Amino acid sequence: MNEEFNENINPIKDNSVSEITQEPIVEQTSAPENQSPPVYSPPIYNQSPQYRPPYNPYTSPVAPPTPSKPKKEKKKHQIGMVPLIILVIVCSLIAGAFGASLSRGSKSSNNGTSTEINKGNREPVKIEINEVDTSKVHTAAEVYAQNVQSTVGITTTITVNYWGYRTNQAAAGSGFIITADGYILTNYHVIEDSNKVTVTMFDDTEYEAKVIGYDESNDIAIIKIEAEGLTPVVLGNSDEINVGDEVVAIGNPLGELTFSLTKGVVSAIDRDVTFSDGVTMKLIQTDCSINSGNSGGALFNMYGEVIGITNAKYSGSSSEASVDNIGFAIPISKVYSIVESIIEKGYISKPYIGVSVLTVDENSTSYGIPAGAGVKEVTKDGPADKAGLMVNDIITAVNGEEISKSDELVAIVAESKVGDELEFSIYRSGEEMILTIEVEEKITSANAADDNQSDESGNYGDEGYQGGYNGGYPFNFEDFFGQFFG
């Protein structure tokens, strides 16, 4: 269930123009350097200003009096009446000019003009949930007939630079309609870096689409076309699927074989898939044939519900064996709240506790350190910081549920709600303790225009996590053992 692929995992955009990347979660912090304790005073545990004795006027040296110099007598000069009048007039003019200067300096610099600030004013989009009876099991032909009108082909235009020459390049993918008024769900890597997005319906009608928002770390994007009365898909619950369940995928393989159906089964659930750029995602594995151009298409169960978004395939060959029919899809239930937030709010809202964690590896546990999620960084003034969580702590359980890997903690926080209180079991320097952390909301941009506020989100939820660790110790090993051996 938790095997990791780290070779040849490719997003299935038609021309593989882009890769998914994930930014670091929090700003790097460095531990203060060790300081020697003062010679004649006890160790100082809290950083505070150095002590200075108060000023004592009775012990301060008194400077000797300065001898006074004899005053010189000034000669009196008599001024005539006419020169005196001239002097008074000149002084008045100077004083007037000086006063005018002071008066101008006291005025506002905008000389009474006004300026304007633009403030957005729009009606929020409200998503209404329609309950649909999906209790009937369908054949593959029935699932196709029911959903092919909800499937779209997506073509993008991307400007690339080859040795100083700018040229346009086309790419293709898939998507599916989720609302009757034109909201479409697809993969982020399908529309990444695009200048233009065109949507083609089953009846060959074309629309120019607008990118509403995206979450790069989870490889999802929302686009919209100006249309009404469309047929949306029915979203299912990917948490209820089982290995062996039959599934079908509808998409546009190779960008040419439009609206094709492939059939298979669920091969694995929560498969850890590591892409070439180091990003790890938990995906549904299927033996449905998934090819370039299928990216962003829907994976359906036999009740006609969308349970996943196809986004990758495992490809490659060796002298021993070739690789076929290993495809992957993003579980729809894991990203639904993000989709809803992008549409309703225009930004990504995720549960947040403000911590970066790494899995405690086998080398560490061989020294008697417990398995769990080792705390690498704690965001200052974040929920975890307020609760007293510290770097090098090891989180061994949350609400009584044992934690053995960092992604297990990610999943628990991602499924929590703002305001929830989570009880963390902590191992610190040989001691065990309990900390209660209140989950807060983390808001990040979902729009390309706000990319300067880089989205540092972790997969499926909390921004403060890193989902994997590639070796080494998740804490300062020397500092840790120094507590025992000096």
Protein backbone atom coordinates (compact mmCIF):
# COMPACT_ATOMS: atom_id res chain seq x y z
CA MET A 1 0.00 0.00 0.00
CA ASN A 2 2.76 2.45 0.81
CA GLU A 3 5.41 1.58 -1.69
CA GLU A 4 7.03 4.59 -3.34
CA PHE A 5 7.73 5.12 -7.00
CA ASN A 6 10.45 7.63 -7.63
CA GLU A 7 11.36 6.98 -11.23
CA ASN A 8 9.60 7.78 -14.48
CA ILE A 9 6.43 9.19 -12.94
CA ASN A 10 5.21 11.69 -15.49
CA PRO A 11 2.27 14.08 -15.52
CA ILE A 12 0.22 13.05 -18.50
CA LYS A 13 -0.13 16.36 -20.27
CA ASP A 14 0.09 15.77 -23.98
CA ASN A 15 3.52 17.34 -24.46
CA SER A 16 4.76 17.17 -20.88
CA VAL A 17 5.56 20.88 -20.97
CA SER A 18 5.54 21.43 -17.23
CA GLU A 19 6.30 19.71 -13.98
CA ILE A 20 4.64 19.99 -10.61
CA THR A 21 6.75 21.74 -7.99
CA GLN A 22 6.35 22.27 -4.30
CA GLU A 23 7.81 25.19 -2.33
CA PRO A 24 9.34 24.95 1.09
CA ILE A 25 6.75 25.30 3.80
CA VAL A 26 8.13 27.83 6.13
CA GLU A 27 11.03 30.19 6.26
CA GLN A 28 14.24 28.58 7.38
CA THR A 29 15.28 29.23 10.93
CA SER A 30 18.62 28.55 12.42
CA ALA A 31 19.43 27.65 15.99
CA PRO A 32 21.38 30.19 18.04
CA GLU A 33 25.05 29.45 18.45
CA ASN A 34 26.18 28.02 21.78
CA GLN A 35 27.31 30.67 24.21
CA SER A 36 29.66 30.21 27.18
CA PRO A 37 28.04 31.05 30.55
CA PRO A 38 29.29 34.13 32.43
CA VAL A 39 32.17 33.52 34.83
CA TYR A 40 30.64 34.80 38.06
CA SER A 41 26.93 34.41 37.38
CA PRO A 42 24.53 31.45 36.94
CA PRO A 43 23.50 30.39 33.40
CA ILE A 44 21.00 32.62 31.67
CA TYR A 45 18.11 30.54 30.25
CA ASN A 46 16.14 33.36 28.71
CA GLN A 47 17.59 35.83 26.27
CA SER A 48 17.31 39.24 27.91
CA PRO A 49 19.25 42.51 27.93
CA GLN A 50 22.45 42.49 30.01
CA TYR A 51 22.06 43.75 33.56
CA ARG A 52 23.40 47.27 34.17
CA PRO A 53 23.56 48.82 37.68
CA PRO A 54 21.35 51.87 38.09
CA TYR A 55 22.92 55.27 37.94
CA ASN A 56 24.00 56.43 41.39
CA PRO A 57 24.49 60.18 41.66
CA TYR A 58 26.37 59.73 44.91
CA THR A 59 29.16 57.71 43.38
CA SER A 60 29.51 59.61 40.13
CA PRO A 61 32.64 61.72 39.78
CA VAL A 62 32.04 65.43 40.07
CA ALA A 63 33.76 67.63 37.53
CA PRO A 64 35.72 70.60 38.97
CA PRO A 65 34.05 73.96 38.51
CA THR A 66 34.99 75.81 35.35
CA PRO A 67 36.57 79.16 36.15
CA SER A 68 34.50 81.99 34.83
CA LYS A 69 36.05 84.32 32.31
CA PRO A 70 35.98 88.04 32.92
CA LYS A 71 33.33 89.74 30.86
CA LYS A 72 34.38 92.31 28.33
CA GLU A 73 32.63 95.56 28.44
CA LYS A 74 30.76 96.30 25.23
CA LYS A 75 30.91 99.71 23.80
CA LYS A 76 27.61 101.36 23.33
CA HIS A 77 26.85 102.70 19.89
CA GLN A 78 24.23 105.28 19.29
CA ILE A 79 21.92 104.82 16.33
CA GLY A 80 20.24 107.71 14.64
CA MET A 81 16.47 107.87 14.09
CA VAL A 82 16.52 107.37 10.28
CA PRO A 83 18.78 104.30 10.30
CA LEU A 84 16.60 102.86 13.10
CA ILE A 85 13.44 103.18 10.98
CA ILE A 86 15.12 101.49 8.02
CA LEU A 87 16.30 98.65 10.24
CA VAL A 88 12.77 98.09 11.60
CA ILE A 89 11.31 97.90 8.06
CA VAL A 90 13.94 95.40 6.90
CA CYS A 91 13.35 93.18 9.95
CA SER A 92 9.61 93.25 9.32
CA LEU A 93 10.06 92.10 5.73
CA ILE A 94 12.39 89.27 6.79
CA ALA A 95 10.02 88.16 9.54
CA GLY A 96 7.08 88.19 7.14
CA ALA A 97 8.89 86.05 4.61
CA PHE A 98 10.00 83.62 7.32
CA GLY A 99 6.48 83.43 8.71
CA ALA A 100 5.08 82.77 5.25
CA SER A 101 7.60 80.02 4.79
CA LEU A 102 6.57 78.40 8.08
CA SER A 103 2.92 78.70 7.15
CA ARG A 104 3.44 76.93 3.81
CA GLY A 105 5.37 74.16 5.50
CA SER A 106 2.43 73.42 7.76
CA LYS A 107 0.01 72.78 4.89
CA SER A 108 -0.78 69.32 3.47
CA SER A 109 1.55 68.31 0.68
CA ASN A 110 -1.31 67.39 -1.67
CA ASN A 111 -2.52 71.00 -1.85
CA GLY A 112 -6.04 69.92 -1.06
CA THR A 113 -6.33 67.31 -3.86
CA SER A 114 -7.71 63.78 -3.28
CA THR A 115 -6.71 60.30 -4.34
CA GLU A 116 -8.60 57.06 -4.84
CA ILE A 117 -8.22 53.44 -3.76
CA ASN A 118 -9.98 50.64 -5.64
CA LYS A 119 -11.80 48.16 -3.41
CA GLY A 120 -13.29 44.99 -4.84
CA ASN A 121 -17.02 44.48 -4.59
CA ARG A 122 -18.49 41.25 -5.94
CA GLU A 123 -21.21 38.85 -5.01
CA PRO A 124 -19.70 35.67 -3.52
CA VAL A 125 -20.37 32.46 -5.43
CA LYS A 126 -22.45 30.02 -3.43
CA ILE A 127 -22.25 26.33 -4.24
CA GLU A 128 -25.51 24.47 -3.77
CA ILE A 129 -25.28 20.71 -3.31
CA ASN A 130 -27.82 18.61 -5.20
CA GLU A 131 -28.24 15.10 -3.84
CA VAL A 132 -28.41 12.59 -6.70
CA ASP A 133 -29.49 8.97 -6.36
CA THR A 134 -26.49 6.91 -7.43
CA SER A 135 -27.49 3.60 -5.88
CA LYS A 136 -27.78 1.83 -9.24
CA VAL A 137 -24.77 0.02 -10.63
CA HIS A 138 -24.18 0.84 -14.29
CA THR A 139 -22.39 -0.84 -17.13
CA ALA A 140 -19.37 0.88 -18.66
CA ALA A 141 -21.52 1.88 -21.63
CA GLU A 142 -24.09 3.49 -19.34
CA VAL A 143 -21.40 5.41 -17.39
CA TYR A 144 -20.01 6.69 -20.69
CA ALA A 145 -23.41 7.77 -22.04
CA GLN A 146 -24.20 9.50 -18.77
CA ASN A 147 -20.92 11.46 -18.56
CA VAL A 148 -19.44 12.00 -22.00
CA GLN A 149 -21.36 15.28 -22.31
CA SER A 150 -19.66 16.39 -19.08
CA THR A 151 -16.16 15.64 -20.38
CA VAL A 152 -14.19 18.31 -22.23
CA GLY A 153 -11.00 18.56 -24.21
CA ILE A 154 -8.60 21.32 -23.18
CA THR A 155 -6.06 22.90 -25.52
CA THR A 156 -3.57 25.48 -24.27
CA THR A 157 -1.18 27.86 -25.98
CA ILE A 158 2.17 28.39 -24.32
CA THR A 159 4.84 30.90 -25.32
CA VAL A 160 8.33 29.44 -25.11
CA ASN A 161 11.73 30.98 -25.72
CA TYR A 162 14.25 29.10 -27.85
CA TRP A 163 17.63 30.81 -27.97
CA GLY A 164 16.08 34.25 -27.91
CA TYR A 165 13.23 33.42 -30.31
CA ARG A 166 9.72 33.42 -28.86
CA THR A 167 7.30 30.90 -30.32
CA ASN A 168 3.93 29.43 -29.40
CA GLN A 169 3.51 25.78 -28.49
CA ALA A 170 0.26 23.86 -28.10
CA ALA A 171 -0.57 21.30 -25.42
CA ALA A 172 -3.65 19.21 -24.75
CA GLY A 173 -5.40 17.66 -21.78
CA SER A 174 -8.81 16.81 -20.41
CA GLY A 175 -11.27 18.13 -17.86
CA PHE A 176 -14.83 17.68 -16.62
CA ILE A 177 -17.74 20.02 -15.91
CA ILE A 178 -18.67 20.34 -12.22
CA THR A 179 -21.37 23.05 -12.39
CA ALA A 180 -24.13 23.85 -14.89
CA ASP A 181 -22.80 27.40 -15.32
CA GLY A 182 -19.40 26.42 -16.65
CA TYR A 183 -16.91 25.62 -13.86
CA ILE A 184 -14.49 22.91 -15.01
CA LEU A 185 -11.99 20.89 -12.96
CA THR A 186 -8.67 19.78 -14.46
CA ASN A 187 -5.00 19.37 -13.54
CA TYR A 188 -2.77 22.32 -12.80
CA HIS A 189 -0.05 20.96 -15.10
CA VAL A 190 -2.55 21.04 -18.00
CA ILE A 191 -2.96 24.83 -17.83
CA GLU A 192 0.43 25.72 -16.33
CA ASP A 193 2.15 28.72 -18.00
CA SER A 194 -0.63 28.95 -20.60
CA ASN A 195 -1.45 32.17 -22.46
CA LYS A 196 -4.75 30.89 -23.77
CA VAL A 197 -7.05 28.04 -22.73
CA THR A 198 -9.65 26.62 -25.14
CA VAL A 199 -12.34 24.13 -24.13
CA THR A 200 -13.93 21.79 -26.66
CA MET A 201 -17.25 20.15 -25.85
CA PHE A 202 -18.47 16.75 -27.07
CA ASP A 203 -20.49 18.46 -29.80
CA ASP A 204 -17.34 20.29 -31.01
CA THR A 205 -18.46 23.64 -29.58
CA GLU A 206 -15.43 25.66 -28.48
CA TYR A 207 -15.15 28.19 -25.66
CA GLU A 208 -12.29 30.33 -24.46
CA ALA A 209 -11.82 29.58 -20.77
CA LYS A 210 -10.67 31.75 -17.89
CA VAL A 211 -8.39 30.34 -15.19
CA ILE A 212 -10.21 30.91 -11.89
CA GLY A 213 -7.55 29.49 -9.59
CA TYR A 214 -5.34 26.52 -8.87
CA ASP A 215 -3.44 24.64 -6.20
CA GLU A 216 -0.10 23.65 -7.67
CA SER A 217 0.89 21.36 -4.81
CA ASN A 218 -2.21 19.20 -5.34
CA ASP A 219 -2.14 19.50 -9.16
CA ILE A 220 -5.67 20.85 -9.53
CA ALA A 221 -7.04 23.87 -11.38
CA ILE A 222 -10.46 25.47 -11.87
CA ILE A 223 -11.31 27.09 -15.20
CA LYS A 224 -14.60 28.60 -16.34
CA ILE A 225 -16.42 29.07 -19.62
CA GLU A 226 -19.34 31.41 -20.28
CA ALA A 227 -22.15 28.91 -20.74
CA GLU A 228 -25.39 27.89 -19.05
CA GLY A 229 -27.41 24.71 -18.80
CA LEU A 230 -24.42 22.39 -18.97
CA THR A 231 -24.47 18.82 -17.65
CA PRO A 232 -22.20 18.49 -14.61
CA VAL A 233 -20.76 15.25 -13.28
CA VAL A 234 -21.75 13.70 -9.96
CA LEU A 235 -18.92 13.76 -7.40
CA GLY A 236 -18.46 10.63 -5.33
CA ASN A 237 -16.56 9.70 -2.18
CA SER A 238 -13.07 8.39 -2.89
CA ASP A 239 -12.69 7.35 0.74
CA GLU A 240 -15.21 4.53 0.17
CA ILE A 241 -13.48 2.80 -2.74
CA ASN A 242 -11.86 -0.60 -2.41
CA VAL A 243 -9.06 -2.36 -4.23
CA GLY A 244 -10.66 -4.39 -6.99
CA ASP A 245 -13.55 -1.99 -7.64
CA GLU A 246 -14.22 -1.51 -11.33
CA VAL A 247 -13.54 1.98 -12.72
CA VAL A 248 -13.59 3.74 -16.08
CA ALA A 249 -11.72 6.78 -17.35
CA ILE A 250 -12.96 9.20 -20.01
CA GLY A 251 -10.54 11.63 -21.65
CA ASN A 252 -8.57 12.67 -24.71
CA PRO A 253 -5.49 10.44 -25.00
CA LEU A 254 -2.74 11.93 -27.14
CA GLY A 255 -4.93 15.00 -27.60
CA GLU A 256 -6.33 13.38 -30.74
CA LEU A 257 -8.36 10.32 -29.73
CA THR A 258 -11.01 12.50 -28.16
CA PHE A 259 -13.62 11.29 -25.66
CA SER A 260 -12.17 7.80 -25.31
CA LEU A 261 -13.15 5.37 -22.55
CA THR A 262 -10.82 2.88 -20.89
CA LYS A 263 -11.81 0.38 -18.23
CA GLY A 264 -9.99 -1.25 -15.35
CA VAL A 265 -9.99 -1.68 -11.60
CA VAL A 266 -8.61 0.07 -8.56
CA SER A 267 -5.16 -1.47 -8.14
CA ALA A 268 -4.15 0.30 -4.92
CA ILE A 269 -5.32 3.03 -2.56
CA ASP A 270 -3.20 5.78 -1.02
CA ARG A 271 -0.21 4.85 -3.14
CA ASP A 272 2.79 7.07 -2.32
CA VAL A 273 4.00 8.32 -5.69
CA THR A 274 7.15 10.45 -5.85
CA PHE A 275 7.63 12.52 -8.98
CA SER A 276 10.96 13.40 -10.56
CA ASP A 277 10.92 16.83 -8.89
CA GLY A 278 10.68 15.26 -5.42
CA VAL A 279 6.98 15.95 -4.82
CA THR A 280 5.16 13.04 -3.18
CA MET A 281 1.39 12.54 -3.51
CA LYS A 282 -1.01 9.88 -2.25
CA LEU A 283 -2.89 8.66 -5.31
CA ILE A 284 -5.33 6.03 -6.50
CA GLN A 285 -3.55 3.44 -8.62
CA THR A 286 -5.49 1.91 -11.51
CA ASP A 287 -4.82 -0.35 -14.45
CA CYS A 288 -7.05 1.77 -16.67
CA SER A 289 -5.05 2.80 -19.71
CA ILE A 290 -3.94 6.37 -18.94
CA ASN A 291 -1.97 8.20 -21.62
CA SER A 292 -0.75 11.65 -22.50
CA GLY A 293 -3.80 13.87 -22.96
CA ASN A 294 -5.82 12.05 -20.28
CA SER A 295 -4.55 14.49 -17.64
CA GLY A 296 -7.40 16.23 -15.88
CA GLY A 297 -10.03 13.72 -16.97
CA ALA A 298 -12.37 11.96 -14.58
CA LEU A 299 -12.04 8.48 -13.10
CA PHE A 300 -15.54 7.07 -12.51
CA ASN A 301 -16.83 4.22 -10.38
CA MET A 302 -19.60 2.03 -11.74
CA TYR A 303 -22.23 4.16 -10.01
CA GLY A 304 -21.34 6.97 -12.39
CA GLU A 305 -19.59 9.05 -9.71
CA VAL A 306 -16.24 10.82 -10.07
CA ILE A 307 -13.80 9.35 -7.58
CA GLY A 308 -10.55 10.70 -9.00
CA ILE A 309 -8.78 13.08 -11.38
CA THR A 310 -6.36 11.22 -13.65
CA ASN A 311 -2.97 12.90 -13.53
CA ALA A 312 -0.02 10.53 -14.03
CA LYS A 313 1.23 7.24 -15.40
CA TYR A 314 4.19 5.03 -14.64
CA SER A 315 6.12 4.36 -17.80
CA GLY A 316 9.43 2.85 -18.71
CA SER A 317 11.09 -0.39 -19.69
CA SER A 318 14.17 -2.42 -18.98
CA SER A 319 15.87 -5.49 -20.32
CA GLU A 320 13.84 -7.58 -17.89
CA ALA A 321 10.29 -6.24 -18.20
CA SER A 322 8.19 -3.47 -19.67
CA VAL A 323 5.73 -1.35 -17.69
CA ASP A 324 2.10 -1.13 -18.78
CA ASN A 325 -1.22 -0.02 -17.34
CA ILE A 326 -0.02 1.67 -14.17
CA GLY A 327 -1.95 4.90 -13.96
CA PHE A 328 -2.78 7.24 -11.12
CA ALA A 329 -5.57 9.59 -10.09
CA ILE A 330 -5.99 12.24 -7.40
CA PRO A 331 -8.67 11.16 -4.86
CA ILE A 332 -11.58 13.59 -5.31
CA SER A 333 -12.47 13.67 -1.61
CA LYS A 334 -8.99 14.86 -0.69
CA VAL A 335 -9.23 18.01 -2.81
CA TYR A 336 -12.95 18.80 -2.75
CA SER A 337 -12.64 21.42 0.02
CA ILE A 338 -9.90 23.17 -1.97
CA VAL A 339 -12.05 23.20 -5.11
CA GLU A 340 -14.95 24.61 -3.12
CA SER A 341 -12.75 27.31 -1.56
CA ILE A 342 -11.36 28.43 -4.94
CA ILE A 343 -14.85 28.79 -6.43
CA GLU A 344 -16.59 30.40 -3.46
CA LYS A 345 -13.81 32.53 -1.99
CA GLY A 346 -11.27 32.96 -4.77
CA TYR A 347 -8.47 31.72 -2.52
CA ILE A 348 -7.29 28.49 -0.90
CA SER A 349 -8.33 27.96 2.69
CA LYS A 350 -6.68 25.12 4.57
CA PRO A 351 -6.40 23.97 8.17
CA TYR A 352 -3.08 25.11 9.60
CA ILE A 353 -0.94 24.54 12.68
CA GLY A 354 2.37 25.99 11.47
CA VAL A 355 4.94 23.22 11.65
CA SER A 356 7.25 21.39 9.26
CA VAL A 357 7.81 17.71 9.96
CA LEU A 358 9.86 14.82 8.63
CA THR A 359 9.52 11.10 9.16
CA VAL A 360 11.87 9.72 11.81
CA ASP A 361 13.96 7.23 9.86
CA GLU A 362 15.18 3.76 10.78
CA ASN A 363 18.67 4.98 11.67
CA SER A 364 17.16 7.16 14.38
CA THR A 365 14.81 4.51 15.75
CA SER A 366 17.72 2.06 16.02
CA TYR A 367 19.06 4.28 18.83
CA GLY A 368 15.84 3.90 20.77
CA ILE A 369 14.18 7.05 19.49
CA PRO A 370 10.44 6.48 18.91
CA ALA A 371 8.91 6.43 15.45
CA GLY A 372 6.84 9.41 14.48
CA ALA A 373 7.00 12.81 12.84
CA GLY A 374 10.09 14.77 13.82
CA VAL A 375 9.58 18.52 14.06
CA LYS A 376 11.96 20.32 11.72
CA GLU A 377 10.59 23.86 11.94
CA VAL A 378 7.93 25.69 13.92
CA THR A 379 6.37 28.87 12.52
CA LYS A 380 6.79 31.75 14.95
CA ASP A 381 3.50 32.76 16.62
CA GLY A 382 1.70 29.93 14.81
CA PRO A 383 -0.70 27.55 16.57
CA ALA A 384 2.02 24.98 17.33
CA ASP A 385 4.38 27.67 18.64
CA LYS A 386 1.69 29.04 20.93
CA ALA A 387 1.07 25.55 22.30
CA GLY A 388 4.77 25.06 23.13
CA LEU A 389 5.86 22.67 20.35
CA MET A 390 9.61 22.86 19.73
CA VAL A 391 12.10 21.91 17.03
CA ASN A 392 13.39 18.32 17.52
CA ASP A 393 10.18 17.24 19.26
CA ILE A 394 8.80 13.95 17.95
CA ILE A 395 5.04 13.69 17.46
CA THR A 396 4.07 10.10 18.23
CA ALA A 397 0.26 10.36 18.29
CA VAL A 398 -2.62 12.76 17.66
CA ASN A 399 -5.86 12.33 19.61
CA GLY A 400 -4.66 8.87 20.62
CA GLU A 401 -3.98 7.78 17.02
CA GLU A 402 -0.37 6.67 16.59
CA ILE A 403 1.82 8.50 14.08
CA SER A 404 4.66 6.63 12.36
CA LYS A 405 5.18 8.85 9.28
CA SER A 406 4.93 12.53 8.49
CA ASP A 407 2.20 12.08 5.87
CA GLU A 408 -0.06 10.48 8.47
CA LEU A 409 0.11 13.71 10.43
CA VAL A 410 -0.55 15.69 7.24
CA ALA A 411 -3.71 13.67 6.61
CA ILE A 412 -5.03 14.16 10.16
CA VAL A 413 -4.56 17.93 10.06
CA ALA A 414 -5.97 18.15 6.53
CA GLU A 415 -9.17 16.45 7.67
CA SER A 416 -9.59 18.73 10.69
CA LYS A 417 -11.54 21.98 10.77
CA VAL A 418 -10.64 25.46 11.89
CA GLY A 419 -11.16 25.67 15.64
CA ASP A 420 -10.60 21.96 16.30
CA GLU A 421 -8.31 21.14 19.23
CA LEU A 422 -5.84 18.35 18.54
CA GLU A 423 -4.10 16.54 21.39
CA PHE A 424 -0.47 15.84 20.44
CA SER A 425 1.60 13.17 22.18
CA ILE A 426 5.17 14.49 22.23
CA TYR A 427 8.54 12.84 22.90
CA ARG A 428 11.11 15.42 23.99
CA SER A 429 14.59 14.69 25.36
CA GLY A 430 13.57 11.33 26.82
CA GLU A 431 10.34 12.63 28.30
CA GLU A 432 6.75 12.29 27.12
CA MET A 433 4.16 15.05 27.29
CA ILE A 434 0.81 16.15 25.90
CA LEU A 435 0.26 19.43 24.03
CA THR A 436 -3.10 20.74 22.80
CA ILE A 437 -2.96 22.68 19.52
CA GLU A 438 -5.91 24.62 18.12
CA VAL A 439 -6.23 24.43 14.34
CA GLU A 440 -6.29 27.80 12.57
CA GLU A 441 -7.06 28.84 8.99
CA LYS A 442 -4.29 29.42 6.47
CA ILE A 443 -5.19 31.47 3.41
CA THR A 444 -3.08 31.40 0.27
CA SER A 445 -3.58 32.81 -3.19
CA ALA A 446 -5.17 30.67 -5.88
CA ASN A 447 -4.57 33.15 -8.67
CA ALA A 448 -1.63 33.60 -11.03
CA ALA A 449 -1.77 37.36 -10.46
CA ASP A 450 -0.82 36.80 -6.83
CA ASP A 451 2.06 34.41 -7.36
CA ASN A 452 4.36 36.74 -5.43
CA GLN A 453 2.56 35.37 -2.37
CA SER A 454 3.95 31.95 -3.14
CA ASP A 455 1.74 29.02 -2.21
CA GLU A 456 3.72 26.80 0.07
CA SER A 457 0.98 24.34 0.76
CA GLY A 458 1.50 20.69 1.49
CA ASN A 459 -0.57 18.03 -0.24
CA TYR A 460 -4.25 17.95 0.67
CA GLY A 461 -4.09 20.48 3.48
CA ASP A 462 -1.90 22.10 6.06
CA GLU A 463 0.77 24.41 4.76
CA GLY A 464 3.15 23.71 7.57
CA TYR A 465 4.13 20.22 6.51
CA GLN A 466 6.58 18.49 4.26
CA GLY A 467 5.31 15.10 3.22
CA GLY A 468 8.50 13.12 2.83
CA TYR A 469 12.08 12.72 3.90
CA ASN A 470 14.91 11.25 1.86
CA GLY A 471 17.35 10.25 4.58
CA GLY A 472 19.35 11.66 7.45
CA TYR A 473 18.12 12.62 10.87
CA PRO A 474 15.14 14.94 11.28
CA PHE A 475 16.86 16.80 14.11
CA ASN A 476 20.26 17.84 15.40
CA PHE A 477 21.65 14.46 16.43
CA GLU A 478 24.59 15.98 18.33
CA ASP A 479 22.33 18.24 20.38
CA PHE A 480 19.95 15.37 21.08
CA PHE A 481 22.57 13.00 22.50
CA GLY A 482 24.36 15.87 24.19
CA GLN A 483 21.45 15.97 26.63
CA PHE A 484 22.44 12.49 27.82
CA PHE A 485 26.21 12.38 27.46
CA GLY A 486 27.16 16.03 27.98
